[in-house]
Amino acid sequence: VNDNEFFCFFGPPLSGKSTILRLVLGLETPDTGEILIGGRPVTTVSPAERNVAMVFQNLALFPHMSARDNV
């Protein structure tokens, strides 16, 4: 995915779409391998420092953030 590019994951239920996004965002840690953003490994980089985002199909909030921070 190129910088500033919009993209979507499509697939049947339980195919791993949300898991992939959570890994890229840093909300989950991979068991093996590494995640590269801009060619830089980010597996140990905090979610806030990754400069990536996602939009949920249904309303969802990050439980560790306040309502204001979620907006």
PDB file of N, CA and C in Angstrom:
ATOM      1  N   VAL A   1       0.863  -1.173   0.000  1.00  0.00           N
ATOM      2  CA  VAL A   1       0.000   0.000   0.000  1.00  0.00           C
ATOM      3  C   VAL A   1       0.904   1.229   0.000  1.00  0.00           C
ATOM      4  N   ASN A   2       0.634   2.146  -0.894  1.00  0.00           N
ATOM      5  CA  ASN A   2       1.447   3.352  -0.995  1.00  0.00           C
ATOM      6  C   ASN A   2       0.999   4.403   0.024  1.00  0.00           C
ATOM      7  N   ASP A   3       1.881   5.358   0.303  1.00  0.00           N
ATOM      8  CA  ASP A   3       1.587   6.445   1.227  1.00  0.00           C
ATOM      9  C   ASP A   3       0.344   7.203   0.774  1.00  0.00           C
ATOM     10  N   ASN A   4      -0.540   7.498   1.718  1.00  0.00           N
ATOM     11  CA  ASN A   4      -1.796   8.223   1.473  1.00  0.00           C
ATOM     12  C   ASN A   4      -2.771   7.482   0.566  1.00  0.00           C
ATOM     13  N   GLU A   5      -2.611   6.205   0.416  1.00  0.00           N
ATOM     14  CA  GLU A   5      -3.503   5.413  -0.421  1.00  0.00           C
ATOM     15  C   GLU A   5      -4.626   4.829   0.440  1.00  0.00           C
ATOM     16  N   PHE A   6      -5.819   4.817  -0.101  1.00  0.00           N
ATOM     17  CA  PHE A   6      -6.987   4.237   0.543  1.00  0.00           C
ATOM     18  C   PHE A   6      -7.175   2.833  -0.005  1.00  0.00           C
ATOM     19  N   PHE A   7      -7.405   1.857   0.839  1.00  0.00           N
ATOM     20  CA  PHE A   7      -7.618   0.493   0.373  1.00  0.00           C
ATOM     21  C   PHE A   7      -8.596  -0.229   1.280  1.00  0.00           C
ATOM     22  N   CYS A   8      -9.104  -1.362   0.811  1.00  0.00           N
ATOM     23  CA  CYS A   8     -10.066  -2.162   1.560  1.00  0.00           C
ATOM     24  C   CYS A   8      -9.642  -3.616   1.561  1.00  0.00           C
ATOM     25  N   PHE A   9      -9.992  -4.314   2.626  1.00  0.00           N
ATOM     26  CA  PHE A   9      -9.857  -5.767   2.679  1.00  0.00           C
ATOM     27  C   PHE A   9     -11.246  -6.354   2.532  1.00  0.00           C
ATOM     28  N   PHE A  10     -11.391  -7.301   1.627  1.00  0.00           N
ATOM     29  CA  PHE A  10     -12.645  -8.010   1.442  1.00  0.00           C
ATOM     30  C   PHE A  10     -12.407  -9.497   1.660  1.00  0.00           C
ATOM     31  N   GLY A  11     -13.386 -10.167   2.195  1.00  0.00           N
ATOM     32  CA  GLY A  11     -13.285 -11.602   2.389  1.00  0.00           C
ATOM     33  C   GLY A  11     -14.444 -12.101   3.225  1.00  0.00           C
ATOM     34  N   PRO A  12     -14.598 -13.404   3.266  1.00  0.00           N
ATOM     35  CA  PRO A  12     -15.702 -13.979   4.037  1.00  0.00           C
ATOM     36  C   PRO A  12     -15.458 -13.812   5.535  1.00  0.00           C
ATOM     37  N   PRO A  13     -16.509 -13.984   6.328  1.00  0.00           N
ATOM     38  CA  PRO A  13     -16.343 -13.917   7.782  1.00  0.00           C
ATOM     39  C   PRO A  13     -15.266 -14.889   8.259  1.00  0.00           C
ATOM     40  N   LEU A  14     -14.522 -14.456   9.263  1.00  0.00           N
ATOM     41  CA  LEU A  14     -13.475 -15.268   9.908  1.00  0.00           C
ATOM     42  C   LEU A  14     -12.283 -15.570   9.000  1.00  0.00           C
ATOM     43  N   SER A  15     -12.056 -14.741   7.966  1.00  0.00           N
ATOM     44  CA  SER A  15     -10.919 -14.987   7.087  1.00  0.00           C
ATOM     45  C   SER A  15      -9.663 -14.231   7.519  1.00  0.00           C
ATOM     46  N   GLY A  16      -9.763 -13.396   8.575  1.00  0.00           N
ATOM     47  CA  GLY A  16      -8.586 -12.727   9.105  1.00  0.00           C
ATOM     48  C   GLY A  16      -8.453 -11.260   8.748  1.00  0.00           C
ATOM     49  N   LYS A  17      -9.469 -10.656   8.162  1.00  0.00           N
ATOM     50  CA  LYS A  17      -9.403  -9.245   7.752  1.00  0.00           C
ATOM     51  C   LYS A  17      -9.127  -8.337   8.947  1.00  0.00           C
ATOM     52  N   SER A  18      -9.898  -8.464   9.981  1.00  0.00           N
ATOM     53  CA  SER A  18      -9.718  -7.616  11.166  1.00  0.00           C
ATOM     54  C   SER A  18      -8.393  -7.900  11.853  1.00  0.00           C
ATOM     55  N   THR A  19      -7.981  -9.141  11.860  1.00  0.00           N
ATOM     56  CA  THR A  19      -6.708  -9.496  12.482  1.00  0.00           C
ATOM     57  C   THR A  19      -5.548  -8.826  11.758  1.00  0.00           C
ATOM     58  N   ILE A  20      -5.565  -8.834  10.435  1.00  0.00           N
ATOM     59  CA  ILE A  20      -4.514  -8.173   9.663  1.00  0.00           C
ATOM     60  C   ILE A  20      -4.466  -6.689   9.995  1.00  0.00           C
ATOM     61  N   LEU A  21      -5.620  -6.048  10.025  1.00  0.00           N
ATOM     62  CA  LEU A  21      -5.654  -4.618  10.331  1.00  0.00           C
ATOM     63  C   LEU A  21      -5.178  -4.343  11.756  1.00  0.00           C
ATOM     64  N   ARG A  22      -5.576  -5.159  12.711  1.00  0.00           N
ATOM     65  CA  ARG A  22      -5.140  -4.968  14.089  1.00  0.00           C
ATOM     66  C   ARG A  22      -3.633  -5.156  14.222  1.00  0.00           C
ATOM     67  N   LEU A  23      -3.058  -6.063  13.458  1.00  0.00           N
ATOM     68  CA  LEU A  23      -1.606  -6.260  13.464  1.00  0.00           C
ATOM     69  C   LEU A  23      -0.891  -5.040  12.884  1.00  0.00           C
ATOM     70  N   VAL A  24      -1.374  -4.539  11.761  1.00  0.00           N
ATOM     71  CA  VAL A  24      -0.758  -3.376  11.127  1.00  0.00           C
ATOM     72  C   VAL A  24      -0.851  -2.157  12.042  1.00  0.00           C
ATOM     73  N   LEU A  25      -1.993  -1.990  12.700  1.00  0.00           N
ATOM     74  CA  LEU A  25      -2.191  -0.856  13.603  1.00  0.00           C
ATOM     75  C   LEU A  25      -1.369  -0.962  14.884  1.00  0.00           C
ATOM     76  N   GLY A  26      -0.970  -2.168  15.245  1.00  0.00           N
ATOM     77  CA  GLY A  26      -0.227  -2.356  16.484  1.00  0.00           C
ATOM     78  C   GLY A  26      -1.108  -2.690  17.666  1.00  0.00           C
ATOM     79  N   LEU A  27      -2.357  -3.036  17.406  1.00  0.00           N
ATOM     80  CA  LEU A  27      -3.271  -3.424  18.480  1.00  0.00           C
ATOM     81  C   LEU A  27      -3.079  -4.882  18.874  1.00  0.00           C
ATOM     82  N   GLU A  28      -2.447  -5.642  18.011  1.00  0.00           N
ATOM     83  CA  GLU A  28      -2.085  -7.040  18.259  1.00  0.00           C
ATOM     84  C   GLU A  28      -0.609  -7.200  17.932  1.00  0.00           C
ATOM     85  N   THR A  29       0.045  -8.169  18.560  1.00  0.00           N
ATOM     86  CA  THR A  29       1.457  -8.461  18.291  1.00  0.00           C
ATOM     87  C   THR A  29       1.550  -9.792  17.552  1.00  0.00           C
ATOM     88  N   PRO A  30       2.280  -9.828  16.439  1.00  0.00           N
ATOM     89  CA  PRO A  30       2.384 -11.098  15.702  1.00  0.00           C
ATOM     90  C   PRO A  30       3.169 -12.141  16.499  1.00  0.00           C
ATOM     91  N   ASP A  31       2.798 -13.409  16.324  1.00  0.00           N
ATOM     92  CA  ASP A  31       3.521 -14.504  16.972  1.00  0.00           C
ATOM     93  C   ASP A  31       4.892 -14.696  16.335  1.00  0.00           C
ATOM     94  N   THR A  32       4.958 -14.517  15.015  1.00  0.00           N
ATOM     95  CA  THR A  32       6.220 -14.647  14.287  1.00  0.00           C
ATOM     96  C   THR A  32       6.267 -13.592  13.196  1.00  0.00           C
ATOM     97  N   GLY A  33       7.429 -13.393  12.632  1.00  0.00           N
ATOM     98  CA  GLY A  33       7.591 -12.456  11.527  1.00  0.00           C
ATOM     99  C   GLY A  33       7.619 -11.018  12.002  1.00  0.00           C
ATOM    100  N   GLU A  34       7.570 -10.107  11.044  1.00  0.00           N
ATOM    101  CA  GLU A  34       7.579  -8.693  11.384  1.00  0.00           C
ATOM    102  C   GLU A  34       6.674  -7.920  10.445  1.00  0.00           C
ATOM    103  N   ILE A  35       6.316  -6.736  10.847  1.00  0.00           N
ATOM    104  CA  ILE A  35       5.468  -5.858  10.049  1.00  0.00           C
ATOM    105  C   ILE A  35       6.320  -4.670   9.628  1.00  0.00           C
ATOM    106  N   LEU A  36       6.320  -4.384   8.330  1.00  0.00           N
ATOM    107  CA  LEU A  36       7.101  -3.270   7.797  1.00  0.00           C
ATOM    108  C   LEU A  36       6.156  -2.183   7.315  1.00  0.00           C
ATOM    109  N   ILE A  37       6.430  -0.951   7.686  1.00  0.00           N
ATOM    110  CA  ILE A  37       5.704   0.204   7.174  1.00  0.00           C
ATOM    111  C   ILE A  37       6.757   1.147   6.597  1.00  0.00           C
ATOM    112  N   GLY A  38       6.664   1.398   5.315  1.00  0.00           N
ATOM    113  CA  GLY A  38       7.677   2.224   4.657  1.00  0.00           C
ATOM    114  C   GLY A  38       9.041   1.568   4.681  1.00  0.00           C
ATOM    115  N   GLY A  39       9.066   0.233   4.691  1.00  0.00           N
ATOM    116  CA  GLY A  39      10.319  -0.502   4.726  1.00  0.00           C
ATOM    117  C   GLY A  39      10.946  -0.584   6.106  1.00  0.00           C
ATOM    118  N   ARG A  40      10.305   0.019   7.099  1.00  0.00           N
ATOM    119  CA  ARG A  40      10.832   0.043   8.469  1.00  0.00           C
ATOM    120  C   ARG A  40      10.065  -0.946   9.335  1.00  0.00           C
ATOM    121  N   PRO A  41      10.759  -1.816  10.068  1.00  0.00           N
ATOM    122  CA  PRO A  41      10.057  -2.732  10.973  1.00  0.00           C
ATOM    123  C   PRO A  41       9.365  -1.949  12.080  1.00  0.00           C
ATOM    124  N   VAL A  42       8.085  -2.239  12.302  1.00  0.00           N
ATOM    125  CA  VAL A  42       7.315  -1.516  13.316  1.00  0.00           C
ATOM    126  C   VAL A  42       6.703  -2.440  14.368  1.00  0.00           C
ATOM    127  N   THR A  43       7.155  -3.671  14.405  1.00  0.00           N
ATOM    128  CA  THR A  43       6.568  -4.635  15.335  1.00  0.00           C
ATOM    129  C   THR A  43       6.654  -4.152  16.777  1.00  0.00           C
ATOM    130  N   THR A  44       7.697  -3.414  17.129  1.00  0.00           N
ATOM    131  CA  THR A  44       7.853  -2.923  18.503  1.00  0.00           C
ATOM    132  C   THR A  44       7.502  -1.437  18.635  1.00  0.00           C
ATOM    133  N   VAL A  45       6.992  -0.820  17.570  1.00  0.00           N
ATOM    134  CA  VAL A  45       6.610   0.592  17.589  1.00  0.00           C
ATOM    135  C   VAL A  45       5.181   0.724  18.094  1.00  0.00           C
ATOM    136  N   SER A  46       4.926   1.707  18.942  1.00  0.00           N
ATOM    137  CA  SER A  46       3.581   1.877  19.497  1.00  0.00           C
ATOM    138  C   SER A  46       2.585   2.252  18.404  1.00  0.00           C
ATOM    139  N   PRO A  47       1.301   1.941  18.604  1.00  0.00           N
ATOM    140  CA  PRO A  47       0.284   2.280  17.601  1.00  0.00           C
ATOM    141  C   PRO A  47       0.275   3.770  17.244  1.00  0.00           C
ATOM    142  N   ALA A  48       0.464   4.638  18.219  1.00  0.00           N
ATOM    143  CA  ALA A  48       0.431   6.079  17.965  1.00  0.00           C
ATOM    144  C   ALA A  48       1.556   6.543  17.054  1.00  0.00           C
ATOM    145  N   GLU A  49       2.659   5.826  17.041  1.00  0.00           N
ATOM    146  CA  GLU A  49       3.821   6.215  16.239  1.00  0.00           C
ATOM    147  C   GLU A  49       3.829   5.604  14.839  1.00  0.00           C
ATOM    148  N   ARG A  50       2.830   4.814  14.495  1.00  0.00           N
ATOM    149  CA  ARG A  50       2.819   4.134  13.196  1.00  0.00           C
ATOM    150  C   ARG A  50       2.212   4.965  12.073  1.00  0.00           C
ATOM    151  N   ASN A  51       1.451   5.992  12.397  1.00  0.00           N
ATOM    152  CA  ASN A  51       0.828   6.870  11.406  1.00  0.00           C
ATOM    153  C   ASN A  51      -0.054   6.101  10.422  1.00  0.00           C
ATOM    154  N   VAL A  52      -0.844   5.186  10.947  1.00  0.00           N
ATOM    155  CA  VAL A  52      -1.827   4.453  10.152  1.00  0.00           C
ATOM    156  C   VAL A  52      -3.160   4.505  10.892  1.00  0.00           C
ATOM    157  N   ALA A  53      -4.244   4.275  10.169  1.00  0.00           N
ATOM    158  CA  ALA A  53      -5.568   4.296  10.776  1.00  0.00           C
ATOM    159  C   ALA A  53      -6.487   3.358  10.015  1.00  0.00           C
ATOM    160  N   MET A  54      -7.603   3.018  10.646  1.00  0.00           N
ATOM    161  CA  MET A  54      -8.617   2.232   9.958  1.00  0.00           C
ATOM    162  C   MET A  54      -9.989   2.730  10.367  1.00  0.00           C
ATOM    163  N   VAL A  55     -10.948   2.467   9.533  1.00  0.00           N
ATOM    164  CA  VAL A  55     -12.333   2.813   9.799  1.00  0.00           C
ATOM    165  C   VAL A  55     -13.107   1.517   9.895  1.00  0.00           C
ATOM    166  N   PHE A  56     -13.827   1.347  10.984  1.00  0.00           N
ATOM    167  CA  PHE A  56     -14.595   0.130  11.183  1.00  0.00           C
ATOM    168  C   PHE A  56     -15.882   0.165  10.371  1.00  0.00           C
ATOM    169  N   GLN A  57     -16.327  -1.002   9.952  1.00  0.00           N
ATOM    170  CA  GLN A  57     -17.600  -1.108   9.245  1.00  0.00           C
ATOM    171  C   GLN A  57     -18.736  -0.724  10.182  1.00  0.00           C
ATOM    172  N   ASN A  58     -18.647  -1.174  11.415  1.00  0.00           N
ATOM    173  CA  ASN A  58     -19.629  -0.832  12.445  1.00  0.00           C
ATOM    174  C   ASN A  58     -18.931   0.049  13.479  1.00  0.00           C
ATOM    175  N   LEU A  59     -19.705   0.833  14.185  1.00  0.00           N
ATOM    176  CA  LEU A  59     -19.140   1.705  15.206  1.00  0.00           C
ATOM    177  C   LEU A  59     -18.337   0.889  16.205  1.00  0.00           C
ATOM    178  N   ALA A  60     -17.132   1.307  16.460  1.00  0.00           N
ATOM    179  CA  ALA A  60     -16.287   0.649  17.450  1.00  0.00           C
ATOM    180  C   ALA A  60     -15.415   1.711  18.112  1.00  0.00           C
ATOM    181  N   LEU A  61     -15.184   1.540  19.394  1.00  0.00           N
ATOM    182  CA  LEU A  61     -14.348   2.471  20.132  1.00  0.00           C
ATOM    183  C   LEU A  61     -13.137   1.744  20.687  1.00  0.00           C
ATOM    184  N   PHE A  62     -12.030   2.465  20.819  1.00  0.00           N
ATOM    185  CA  PHE A  62     -10.851   1.907  21.460  1.00  0.00           C
ATOM    186  C   PHE A  62     -11.086   1.983  22.970  1.00  0.00           C
ATOM    187  N   PRO A  63     -11.143   0.847  23.660  1.00  0.00           N
ATOM    188  CA  PRO A  63     -11.514   0.849  25.076  1.00  0.00           C
ATOM    189  C   PRO A  63     -10.518   1.574  25.980  1.00  0.00           C
ATOM    190  N   HIS A  64      -9.263   1.685  25.575  1.00  0.00           N
ATOM    191  CA  HIS A  64      -8.256   2.330  26.420  1.00  0.00           C
ATOM    192  C   HIS A  64      -8.258   3.851  26.251  1.00  0.00           C
ATOM    193  N   MET A  65      -9.134   4.381  25.368  1.00  0.00           N
ATOM    194  CA  MET A  65      -9.176   5.810  25.115  1.00  0.00           C
ATOM    195  C   MET A  65     -10.506   6.401  25.589  1.00  0.00           C
ATOM    196  N   SER A  66     -10.477   7.692  25.927  1.00  0.00           N
ATOM    197  CA  SER A  66     -11.709   8.375  26.316  1.00  0.00           C
ATOM    198  C   SER A  66     -12.581   8.583  25.078  1.00  0.00           C
ATOM    199  N   ALA A  67     -13.827   8.970  25.311  1.00  0.00           N
ATOM    200  CA  ALA A  67     -14.726   9.240  24.186  1.00  0.00           C
ATOM    201  C   ALA A  67     -14.153  10.358  23.323  1.00  0.00           C
ATOM    202  N   ARG A  68     -13.603  11.396  23.933  1.00  0.00           N
ATOM    203  CA  ARG A  68     -13.005  12.510  23.187  1.00  0.00           C
ATOM    204  C   ARG A  68     -11.837  12.029  22.325  1.00  0.00           C
ATOM    205  N   ASP A  69     -10.960  11.197  22.896  1.00  0.00           N
ATOM    206  CA  ASP A  69      -9.814  10.685  22.131  1.00  0.00           C
ATOM    207  C   ASP A  69     -10.258   9.784  20.989  1.00  0.00           C
ATOM    208  N   ASN A  70     -11.340   9.042  21.155  1.00  0.00           N
ATOM    209  CA  ASN A  70     -11.846   8.196  20.086  1.00  0.00           C
ATOM    210  C   ASN A  70     -12.352   9.034  18.907  1.00  0.00           C
ATOM    211  N   VAL A  71     -12.868  10.215  19.182  1.00  0.00           N
ATOM    212  CA  VAL A  71     -13.342  11.088  18.101  1.00  0.00           C
ATOM    213  C   VAL A  71     -12.155  11.624  17.356  1.00  0.00           C
TER     214      VAL A  71
END
